């Protein structure tokens, strides 16, 4: 599980509830009709904006925001360097035996293209095309939550307008004005919470995870092309580390030093 997502969501809910309870009774801020207007309206408008299949697959997209499928860049770089060593000692055809040990489908596909003797430019084009469609699929999932984040406050305002209309029709009874105004404003609260605590943050998290995955695949492409070109494994390692921030490079170097000490 992605702890930052879980911690942020839980702490946000707790703090909002705390603020509500410190301002009055929790029951004052509960209105089922307002929930129906905001959530129901947002979902309905989302179905209008996107194909049915895309909306129904939203749950799979949400899992990515809560899952902690950390892309171990260091492990991938080490794996590519290991493949480079095999190719340097035994030739590119020897990589076919190492394919079964590769868990990542993208890297596995790239190695098979190299083993089959595919032209380097064609290898690059095939893998970059796959990245382009991967990014497009990720953007579709993100755009659904961006749209919901835009729609939720709007339906909150619609609910508020409905409440105000109902209130104005009862102006002859002053005792109902206060409660009616409270219910009208609750809908705006629900819309703002749905947008700013759930939809927009999830869209941001999906965008971040997409960038991480795409960066990793770009590292794989560079490594595979370097292997195919017969470059020195050490040079390949340094080239791939150039994709990473200095702090991560340092941690990778420390990991190598620890491994060297352990081997001694």
C-alpha atoms as a PDB file:
ATOM      1  CA  UNK A   1       0.000   0.000   0.000  1.00  0.00           C
ATOM      2  CA  UNK A   2       1.094   3.561  -0.711  1.00  0.00           C
ATOM      3  CA  UNK A   3       1.388   5.011   2.800  1.00  0.00           C
ATOM      4  CA  UNK A   4       1.374   8.642   1.656  1.00  0.00           C
ATOM      5  CA  UNK A   5      -2.021   8.203  -0.033  1.00  0.00           C
ATOM      6  CA  UNK A   6      -3.494   6.347   2.940  1.00  0.00           C
ATOM      7  CA  UNK A   7      -2.076   8.792   5.503  1.00  0.00           C
ATOM      8  CA  UNK A   8      -3.207  11.818   3.518  1.00  0.00           C
ATOM      9  CA  UNK A   9      -6.752  10.522   3.014  1.00  0.00           C
ATOM     10  CA  UNK A  10      -7.255   9.378   6.600  1.00  0.00           C
ATOM     11  CA  UNK A  11      -5.696  12.489   8.144  1.00  0.00           C
ATOM     12  CA  UNK A  12      -7.767  14.717   5.845  1.00  0.00           C
ATOM     13  CA  UNK A  13     -11.014  13.014   6.855  1.00  0.00           C
ATOM     14  CA  UNK A  14     -10.086  13.052  10.542  1.00  0.00           C
ATOM     15  CA  UNK A  15      -9.150  16.743  10.514  1.00  0.00           C
ATOM     16  CA  UNK A  16     -12.347  17.700   8.687  1.00  0.00           C
ATOM     17  CA  UNK A  17     -14.458  15.698  11.154  1.00  0.00           C
ATOM     18  CA  UNK A  18     -12.543  17.261  14.041  1.00  0.00           C
ATOM     19  CA  UNK A  19     -13.232  20.722  12.666  1.00  0.00           C
ATOM     20  CA  UNK A  20     -16.920  19.880  12.230  1.00  0.00           C
ATOM     21  CA  UNK A  21     -17.286  18.513  15.746  1.00  0.00           C
ATOM     22  CA  UNK A  22     -15.477  21.486  17.242  1.00  0.00           C
ATOM     23  CA  UNK A  23     -17.933  23.781  15.470  1.00  0.00           C
ATOM     24  CA  UNK A  24     -21.059  21.915  16.483  1.00  0.00           C
ATOM     25  CA  UNK A  25     -22.788  18.570  16.211  1.00  0.00           C
ATOM     26  CA  UNK A  26     -21.796  16.101  13.512  1.00  0.00           C
ATOM     27  CA  UNK A  27     -25.444  15.592  12.599  1.00  0.00           C
ATOM     28  CA  UNK A  28     -25.713  19.217  11.487  1.00  0.00           C
ATOM     29  CA  UNK A  29     -23.409  18.435   8.557  1.00  0.00           C
ATOM     30  CA  UNK A  30     -25.224  15.320   7.363  1.00  0.00           C
ATOM     31  CA  UNK A  31     -27.769  15.550   4.562  1.00  0.00           C
ATOM     32  CA  UNK A  32     -28.496  12.530   2.394  1.00  0.00           C
ATOM     33  CA  UNK A  33     -30.152  14.554  -0.364  1.00  0.00           C
ATOM     34  CA  UNK A  34     -27.056  16.730  -0.712  1.00  0.00           C
ATOM     35  CA  UNK A  35     -24.886  13.616  -0.999  1.00  0.00           C
ATOM     36  CA  UNK A  36     -27.101  12.280  -3.777  1.00  0.00           C
ATOM     37  CA  UNK A  37     -26.907  15.558  -5.684  1.00  0.00           C
ATOM     38  CA  UNK A  38     -23.120  15.848  -5.453  1.00  0.00           C
ATOM     39  CA  UNK A  39     -21.999  12.229  -5.852  1.00  0.00           C
ATOM     40  CA  UNK A  40     -24.844  11.196  -8.153  1.00  0.00           C
ATOM     41  CA  UNK A  41     -24.522  14.280 -10.325  1.00  0.00           C
ATOM     42  CA  UNK A  42     -20.732  13.971 -10.568  1.00  0.00           C
ATOM     43  CA  UNK A  43     -20.899  10.287 -11.552  1.00  0.00           C
ATOM     44  CA  UNK A  44     -23.707  10.914 -14.041  1.00  0.00           C
ATOM     45  CA  UNK A  45     -21.820  13.751 -15.730  1.00  0.00           C
ATOM     46  CA  UNK A  46     -18.669  11.595 -15.841  1.00  0.00           C
ATOM     47  CA  UNK A  47     -20.606   8.902 -17.700  1.00  0.00           C
ATOM     48  CA  UNK A  48     -21.670  11.560 -20.202  1.00  0.00           C
ATOM     49  CA  UNK A  49     -18.092  12.799 -20.652  1.00  0.00           C
ATOM     50  CA  UNK A  50     -16.387   9.407 -21.063  1.00  0.00           C
ATOM     51  CA  UNK A  51     -17.198   6.055 -22.683  1.00  0.00           C
ATOM     52  CA  UNK A  52     -18.842   3.498 -20.399  1.00  0.00           C
ATOM     53  CA  UNK A  53     -15.881   1.126 -20.575  1.00  0.00           C
ATOM     54  CA  UNK A  54     -13.438   3.823 -19.447  1.00  0.00           C
ATOM     55  CA  UNK A  55     -15.560   4.843 -16.465  1.00  0.00           C
ATOM     56  CA  UNK A  56     -16.136   1.251 -15.344  1.00  0.00           C
ATOM     57  CA  UNK A  57     -12.389   0.617 -15.414  1.00  0.00           C
ATOM     58  CA  UNK A  58     -11.837   3.517 -13.006  1.00  0.00           C
ATOM     59  CA  UNK A  59     -11.499   1.155 -10.032  1.00  0.00           C
ATOM     60  CA  UNK A  60      -8.430  -0.425 -11.617  1.00  0.00           C
ATOM     61  CA  UNK A  61      -6.974   3.055 -12.004  1.00  0.00           C
ATOM     62  CA  UNK A  62      -7.733   3.916  -8.359  1.00  0.00           C
ATOM     63  CA  UNK A  63      -5.770   0.859  -7.207  1.00  0.00           C
ATOM     64  CA  UNK A  64      -2.616   2.383  -8.694  1.00  0.00           C
ATOM     65  CA  UNK A  65      -2.974   5.423  -6.446  1.00  0.00           C
ATOM     66  CA  UNK A  66      -3.210   3.212  -3.358  1.00  0.00           C
ATOM     67  CA  UNK A  67      -0.758   0.500  -4.394  1.00  0.00           C
ATOM     68  CA  UNK A  68       2.921   0.758  -3.634  1.00  0.00           C
ATOM     69  CA  UNK A  69       4.298  -0.804  -6.797  1.00  0.00           C
ATOM     70  CA  UNK A  70       7.561   1.049  -6.369  1.00  0.00           C
ATOM     71  CA  UNK A  71       9.576   0.942  -9.523  1.00  0.00           C
ATOM     72  CA  UNK A  72      12.943  -0.248  -8.271  1.00  0.00           C
ATOM     73  CA  UNK A  73      15.181   1.721 -10.582  1.00  0.00           C
ATOM     74  CA  UNK A  74      18.332   0.371  -8.964  1.00  0.00           C
ATOM     75  CA  UNK A  75      17.257  -3.221  -9.498  1.00  0.00           C
ATOM     76  CA  UNK A  76      16.421  -2.561 -13.149  1.00  0.00           C
ATOM     77  CA  UNK A  77      19.773  -0.878 -13.771  1.00  0.00           C
ATOM     78  CA  UNK A  78      21.586  -3.788 -12.101  1.00  0.00           C
ATOM     79  CA  UNK A  79      19.610  -6.225 -14.237  1.00  0.00           C
ATOM     80  CA  UNK A  80      20.486  -4.372 -17.435  1.00  0.00           C
ATOM     81  CA  UNK A  81      24.174  -4.268 -16.462  1.00  0.00           C
ATOM     82  CA  UNK A  82      24.007  -8.004 -15.749  1.00  0.00           C
ATOM     83  CA  UNK A  83      22.524  -8.591 -19.208  1.00  0.00           C
ATOM     84  CA  UNK A  84      25.259  -6.405 -20.695  1.00  0.00           C
ATOM     85  CA  UNK A  85      27.914  -8.572 -19.028  1.00  0.00           C
ATOM     86  CA  UNK A  86      26.319 -11.740 -20.424  1.00  0.00           C
ATOM     87  CA  UNK A  87      26.108 -10.231 -23.916  1.00  0.00           C
ATOM     88  CA  UNK A  88      29.735  -9.057 -23.738  1.00  0.00           C
ATOM     89  CA  UNK A  89      31.026 -12.488 -22.674  1.00  0.00           C
ATOM     90  CA  UNK A  90      28.789 -14.822 -24.669  1.00  0.00           C
ATOM     91  CA  UNK A  91      27.118 -12.706 -27.349  1.00  0.00           C
ATOM     92  CA  UNK A  92      23.611 -11.346 -27.820  1.00  0.00           C
ATOM     93  CA  UNK A  93      22.098 -14.774 -28.504  1.00  0.00           C
ATOM     94  CA  UNK A  94      23.019 -15.831 -24.949  1.00  0.00           C
ATOM     95  CA  UNK A  95      20.442 -13.324 -23.648  1.00  0.00           C
ATOM     96  CA  UNK A  96      17.644 -15.634 -24.775  1.00  0.00           C
ATOM     97  CA  UNK A  97      18.289 -17.865 -21.765  1.00  0.00           C
ATOM     98  CA  UNK A  98      18.123 -14.871 -19.415  1.00  0.00           C
ATOM     99  CA  UNK A  99      14.693 -13.804 -20.690  1.00  0.00           C
ATOM    100  CA  UNK A 100      12.885 -16.278 -18.425  1.00  0.00           C
ATOM    101  CA  UNK A 101      14.399 -14.621 -15.353  1.00  0.00           C
ATOM    102  CA  UNK A 102      13.113 -11.160 -16.344  1.00  0.00           C
ATOM    103  CA  UNK A 103       9.834 -10.291 -14.598  1.00  0.00           C
ATOM    104  CA  UNK A 104       9.134  -6.994 -16.391  1.00  0.00           C
ATOM    105  CA  UNK A 105       7.253  -7.640 -19.656  1.00  0.00           C
ATOM    106  CA  UNK A 106       8.567  -4.473 -21.308  1.00  0.00           C
ATOM    107  CA  UNK A 107      12.208  -5.364 -20.642  1.00  0.00           C
ATOM    108  CA  UNK A 108      11.558  -8.948 -21.660  1.00  0.00           C
ATOM    109  CA  UNK A 109      10.081  -7.804 -24.972  1.00  0.00           C
ATOM    110  CA  UNK A 110      13.071  -5.541 -25.619  1.00  0.00           C
ATOM    111  CA  UNK A 111      15.575  -8.323 -24.956  1.00  0.00           C
ATOM    112  CA  UNK A 112      13.732 -10.658 -27.349  1.00  0.00           C
ATOM    113  CA  UNK A 113      13.824  -7.995 -30.063  1.00  0.00           C
ATOM    114  CA  UNK A 114      17.590  -7.724 -29.602  1.00  0.00           C
ATOM    115  CA  UNK A 115      18.055 -11.492 -29.641  1.00  0.00           C
ATOM    116  CA  UNK A 116      16.048 -11.714 -32.875  1.00  0.00           C
ATOM    117  CA  UNK A 117      18.510  -9.319 -34.510  1.00  0.00           C
ATOM    118  CA  UNK A 118      16.040  -6.470 -34.967  1.00  0.00           C
ATOM    119  CA  UNK A 119      17.498  -3.230 -36.301  1.00  0.00           C
ATOM    120  CA  UNK A 120      18.311  -0.856 -33.376  1.00  0.00           C
ATOM    121  CA  UNK A 121      16.198   1.960 -34.837  1.00  0.00           C
ATOM    122  CA  UNK A 122      13.236  -0.406 -35.174  1.00  0.00           C
ATOM    123  CA  UNK A 123      13.737  -1.645 -31.602  1.00  0.00           C
ATOM    124  CA  UNK A 124      13.643   1.937 -30.383  1.00  0.00           C
ATOM    125  CA  UNK A 125      10.537   2.760 -32.438  1.00  0.00           C
ATOM    126  CA  UNK A 126       8.626  -0.313 -31.235  1.00  0.00           C
ATOM    127  CA  UNK A 127       9.385   0.299 -27.567  1.00  0.00           C
ATOM    128  CA  UNK A 128       8.746   4.052 -27.769  1.00  0.00           C
ATOM    129  CA  UNK A 129       5.392   3.362 -29.424  1.00  0.00           C
ATOM    130  CA  UNK A 130       4.488   1.096 -26.524  1.00  0.00           C
ATOM    131  CA  UNK A 131       5.454   3.856 -24.080  1.00  0.00           C
ATOM    132  CA  UNK A 132       3.331   6.369 -25.998  1.00  0.00           C
ATOM    133  CA  UNK A 133       0.219   4.199 -25.756  1.00  0.00           C
ATOM    134  CA  UNK A 134       0.977   3.426 -22.105  1.00  0.00           C
ATOM    135  CA  UNK A 135       1.128   7.153 -21.370  1.00  0.00           C
ATOM    136  CA  UNK A 136      -2.133   7.683 -23.248  1.00  0.00           C
ATOM    137  CA  UNK A 137      -3.884   5.008 -21.144  1.00  0.00           C
ATOM    138  CA  UNK A 138      -2.547   6.593 -17.975  1.00  0.00           C
ATOM    139  CA  UNK A 139      -3.734  10.033 -19.092  1.00  0.00           C
ATOM    140  CA  UNK A 140      -7.234   8.658 -19.699  1.00  0.00           C
ATOM    141  CA  UNK A 141      -7.469   7.440 -16.104  1.00  0.00           C
ATOM    142  CA  UNK A 142      -6.066  10.709 -14.788  1.00  0.00           C
ATOM    143  CA  UNK A 143      -8.438  12.783 -16.919  1.00  0.00           C
ATOM    144  CA  UNK A 144     -11.454  11.007 -15.407  1.00  0.00           C
ATOM    145  CA  UNK A 145     -10.462  12.169 -11.926  1.00  0.00           C
ATOM    146  CA  UNK A 146      -9.552  15.635 -13.201  1.00  0.00           C
ATOM    147  CA  UNK A 147     -13.049  15.886 -14.678  1.00  0.00           C
ATOM    148  CA  UNK A 148     -14.680  14.639 -11.469  1.00  0.00           C
ATOM    149  CA  UNK A 149     -12.646  17.183  -9.521  1.00  0.00           C
ATOM    150  CA  UNK A 150     -14.042  19.915 -11.767  1.00  0.00           C
ATOM    151  CA  UNK A 151     -17.629  18.639 -11.700  1.00  0.00           C
ATOM    152  CA  UNK A 152     -18.008  17.988  -7.951  1.00  0.00           C
ATOM    153  CA  UNK A 153     -17.883  21.666  -6.822  1.00  0.00           C
ATOM    154  CA  UNK A 154     -20.247  22.572  -9.674  1.00  0.00           C
ATOM    155  CA  UNK A 155     -22.833  20.066  -8.496  1.00  0.00           C
ATOM    156  CA  UNK A 156     -22.271  21.319  -4.962  1.00  0.00           C
ATOM    157  CA  UNK A 157     -23.274  24.762  -6.197  1.00  0.00           C
ATOM    158  CA  UNK A 158     -26.283  23.288  -8.019  1.00  0.00           C
ATOM    159  CA  UNK A 159     -27.390  21.664  -4.768  1.00  0.00           C
ATOM    160  CA  UNK A 160     -26.959  24.986  -3.001  1.00  0.00           C
ATOM    161  CA  UNK A 161     -29.131  26.734  -5.582  1.00  0.00           C
ATOM    162  CA  UNK A 162     -31.801  24.054  -5.186  1.00  0.00           C
ATOM    163  CA  UNK A 163     -31.713  24.593  -1.421  1.00  0.00           C
ATOM    164  CA  UNK A 164     -31.961  28.368  -1.815  1.00  0.00           C
ATOM    165  CA  UNK A 165     -34.977  28.049  -4.094  1.00  0.00           C
ATOM    166  CA  UNK A 166     -36.665  25.823  -1.529  1.00  0.00           C
ATOM    167  CA  UNK A 167     -35.781  28.293   1.223  1.00  0.00           C
ATOM    168  CA  UNK A 168     -37.165  31.295  -0.663  1.00  0.00           C
ATOM    169  CA  UNK A 169     -40.475  29.527  -1.094  1.00  0.00           C
ATOM    170  CA  UNK A 170     -40.782  29.341   2.707  1.00  0.00           C
ATOM    171  CA  UNK A 171     -39.907  32.928   3.595  1.00  0.00           C
ATOM    172  CA  UNK A 172     -43.282  33.304   5.272  1.00  0.00           C
ATOM    173  CA  UNK A 173     -41.961  31.008   8.012  1.00  0.00           C
ATOM    174  CA  UNK A 174     -38.832  32.669   9.529  1.00  0.00           C
ATOM    175  CA  UNK A 175     -38.067  29.593  11.653  1.00  0.00           C
ATOM    176  CA  UNK A 176     -37.219  27.536   8.570  1.00  0.00           C
ATOM    177  CA  UNK A 177     -34.819  30.023   6.995  1.00  0.00           C
ATOM    178  CA  UNK A 178     -31.782  29.127   9.153  1.00  0.00           C
ATOM    179  CA  UNK A 179     -32.015  25.323   8.792  1.00  0.00           C
ATOM    180  CA  UNK A 180     -32.795  25.600   5.058  1.00  0.00           C
ATOM    181  CA  UNK A 181     -29.773  27.839   4.491  1.00  0.00           C
ATOM    182  CA  UNK A 182     -27.587  25.362   6.387  1.00  0.00           C
ATOM    183  CA  UNK A 183     -28.731  22.444   4.225  1.00  0.00           C
ATOM    184  CA  UNK A 184     -28.162  24.509   1.068  1.00  0.00           C
ATOM    185  CA  UNK A 185     -24.564  25.300   2.028  1.00  0.00           C
ATOM    186  CA  UNK A 186     -23.791  21.688   3.028  1.00  0.00           C
ATOM    187  CA  UNK A 187     -24.045  20.656  -0.628  1.00  0.00           C
ATOM    188  CA  UNK A 188     -21.256  23.084  -1.527  1.00  0.00           C
ATOM    189  CA  UNK A 189     -19.180  21.625   1.315  1.00  0.00           C
ATOM    190  CA  UNK A 190     -19.670  18.094  -0.004  1.00  0.00           C
ATOM    191  CA  UNK A 191     -18.674  19.122  -3.523  1.00  0.00           C
ATOM    192  CA  UNK A 192     -15.514  20.869  -2.323  1.00  0.00           C
ATOM    193  CA  UNK A 193     -14.488  17.919  -0.152  1.00  0.00           C
ATOM    194  CA  UNK A 194     -15.049  15.381  -2.931  1.00  0.00           C
ATOM    195  CA  UNK A 195     -12.998  17.454  -5.362  1.00  0.00           C
ATOM    196  CA  UNK A 196     -10.131  18.636  -3.150  1.00  0.00           C
ATOM    197  CA  UNK A 197      -9.708  15.678  -0.817  1.00  0.00           C
ATOM    198  CA  UNK A 198     -10.282  12.783  -3.218  1.00  0.00           C
ATOM    199  CA  UNK A 199     -10.534  13.450  -6.963  1.00  0.00           C
ATOM    200  CA  UNK A 200      -7.830  16.062  -7.581  1.00  0.00           C
ATOM    201  CA  UNK A 201      -5.207  14.469  -5.239  1.00  0.00           C
ATOM    202  CA  UNK A 202      -5.770  11.041  -6.839  1.00  0.00           C
ATOM    203  CA  UNK A 203      -5.330  12.590 -10.299  1.00  0.00           C
ATOM    204  CA  UNK A 204      -2.036  14.144  -9.147  1.00  0.00           C
ATOM    205  CA  UNK A 205      -0.838  10.842  -7.674  1.00  0.00           C
ATOM    206  CA  UNK A 206      -1.686   8.968 -10.885  1.00  0.00           C
ATOM    207  CA  UNK A 207       0.276  11.528 -12.892  1.00  0.00           C
ATOM    208  CA  UNK A 208       3.308  11.098 -10.617  1.00  0.00           C
ATOM    209  CA  UNK A 209       3.203   7.301 -10.807  1.00  0.00           C
ATOM    210  CA  UNK A 210       2.842   7.463 -14.580  1.00  0.00           C
ATOM    211  CA  UNK A 211       5.965   9.643 -14.837  1.00  0.00           C
ATOM    212  CA  UNK A 212       7.923   7.208 -12.667  1.00  0.00           C
ATOM    213  CA  UNK A 213       6.914   4.223 -14.795  1.00  0.00           C
ATOM    214  CA  UNK A 214       7.660   5.998 -18.073  1.00  0.00           C
ATOM    215  CA  UNK A 215      11.091   7.117 -16.813  1.00  0.00           C
ATOM    216  CA  UNK A 216      11.907   3.538 -15.888  1.00  0.00           C
ATOM    217  CA  UNK A 217      10.938   2.324 -19.355  1.00  0.00           C
ATOM    218  CA  UNK A 218      13.059   5.032 -20.973  1.00  0.00           C
ATOM    219  CA  UNK A 219      15.988   3.776 -18.900  1.00  0.00           C
ATOM    220  CA  UNK A 220      15.285   0.255 -20.176  1.00  0.00           C
ATOM    221  CA  UNK A 221      15.281   1.430 -23.806  1.00  0.00           C
ATOM    222  CA  UNK A 222      18.592   3.247 -23.390  1.00  0.00           C
ATOM    223  CA  UNK A 223      20.115   0.211 -21.680  1.00  0.00           C
ATOM    224  CA  UNK A 224      18.885  -2.226 -24.317  1.00  0.00           C
ATOM    225  CA  UNK A 225      20.174  -0.109 -27.197  1.00  0.00           C
ATOM    226  CA  UNK A 226      23.529   0.215 -25.438  1.00  0.00           C
ATOM    227  CA  UNK A 227      23.719  -3.564 -25.021  1.00  0.00           C
ATOM    228  CA  UNK A 228      22.876  -4.034 -28.683  1.00  0.00           C
ATOM    229  CA  UNK A 229      25.632  -1.561 -29.617  1.00  0.00           C
ATOM    230  CA  UNK A 230      28.149  -3.621 -27.595  1.00  0.00           C
ATOM    231  CA  UNK A 231      29.054  -0.888 -25.134  1.00  0.00           C
ATOM    232  CA  UNK A 232      31.049  -1.585 -21.983  1.00  0.00           C
ATOM    233  CA  UNK A 233      28.762  -2.623 -19.059  1.00  0.00           C
ATOM    234  CA  UNK A 234      30.384  -0.072 -16.769  1.00  0.00           C
ATOM    235  CA  UNK A 235      29.728   2.699 -19.294  1.00  0.00           C
ATOM    236  CA  UNK A 236      26.141   1.510 -19.628  1.00  0.00           C
ATOM    237  CA  UNK A 237      25.685   1.680 -15.863  1.00  0.00           C
ATOM    238  CA  UNK A 238      26.974   5.236 -15.666  1.00  0.00           C
ATOM    239  CA  UNK A 239      24.839   6.247 -18.644  1.00  0.00           C
ATOM    240  CA  UNK A 240      21.682   4.879 -17.006  1.00  0.00           C
ATOM    241  CA  UNK A 241      22.457   6.539 -13.680  1.00  0.00           C
ATOM    242  CA  UNK A 242      22.479   9.874 -15.518  1.00  0.00           C
ATOM    243  CA  UNK A 243      18.674   9.563 -15.738  1.00  0.00           C
ATOM    244  CA  UNK A 244      18.410   9.696 -11.953  1.00  0.00           C
ATOM    245  CA  UNK A 245      18.638  12.575  -9.443  1.00  0.00           C
ATOM    246  CA  UNK A 246      21.990  12.852  -7.575  1.00  0.00           C
ATOM    247  CA  UNK A 247      20.444  11.668  -4.296  1.00  0.00           C
ATOM    248  CA  UNK A 248      19.255   8.391  -5.860  1.00  0.00           C
ATOM    249  CA  UNK A 249      22.577   7.900  -7.649  1.00  0.00           C
ATOM    250  CA  UNK A 250      24.342   8.251  -4.305  1.00  0.00           C
ATOM    251  CA  UNK A 251      22.112   5.659  -2.668  1.00  0.00           C
ATOM    252  CA  UNK A 252      22.777   3.254  -5.543  1.00  0.00           C
ATOM    253  CA  UNK A 253      26.516   3.774  -5.152  1.00  0.00           C
ATOM    254  CA  UNK A 254      26.229   3.140  -1.401  1.00  0.00           C
ATOM    255  CA  UNK A 255      24.336  -0.051  -2.140  1.00  0.00           C
ATOM    256  CA  UNK A 256      27.140  -1.187  -4.441  1.00  0.00           C
ATOM    257  CA  UNK A 257      29.743  -0.439  -1.791  1.00  0.00           C
ATOM    258  CA  UNK A 258      27.808  -2.463   0.769  1.00  0.00           C
ATOM    259  CA  UNK A 259      27.560  -5.386  -1.657  1.00  0.00           C
ATOM    260  CA  UNK A 260      31.296  -5.210  -2.280  1.00  0.00           C
ATOM    261  CA  UNK A 261      32.013  -5.303   1.463  1.00  0.00           C
ATOM    262  CA  UNK A 262      29.671  -8.259   1.884  1.00  0.00           C
ATOM    263  CA  UNK A 263      31.401 -10.150  -0.954  1.00  0.00           C
ATOM    264  CA  UNK A 264      34.770  -9.620   0.704  1.00  0.00           C
END
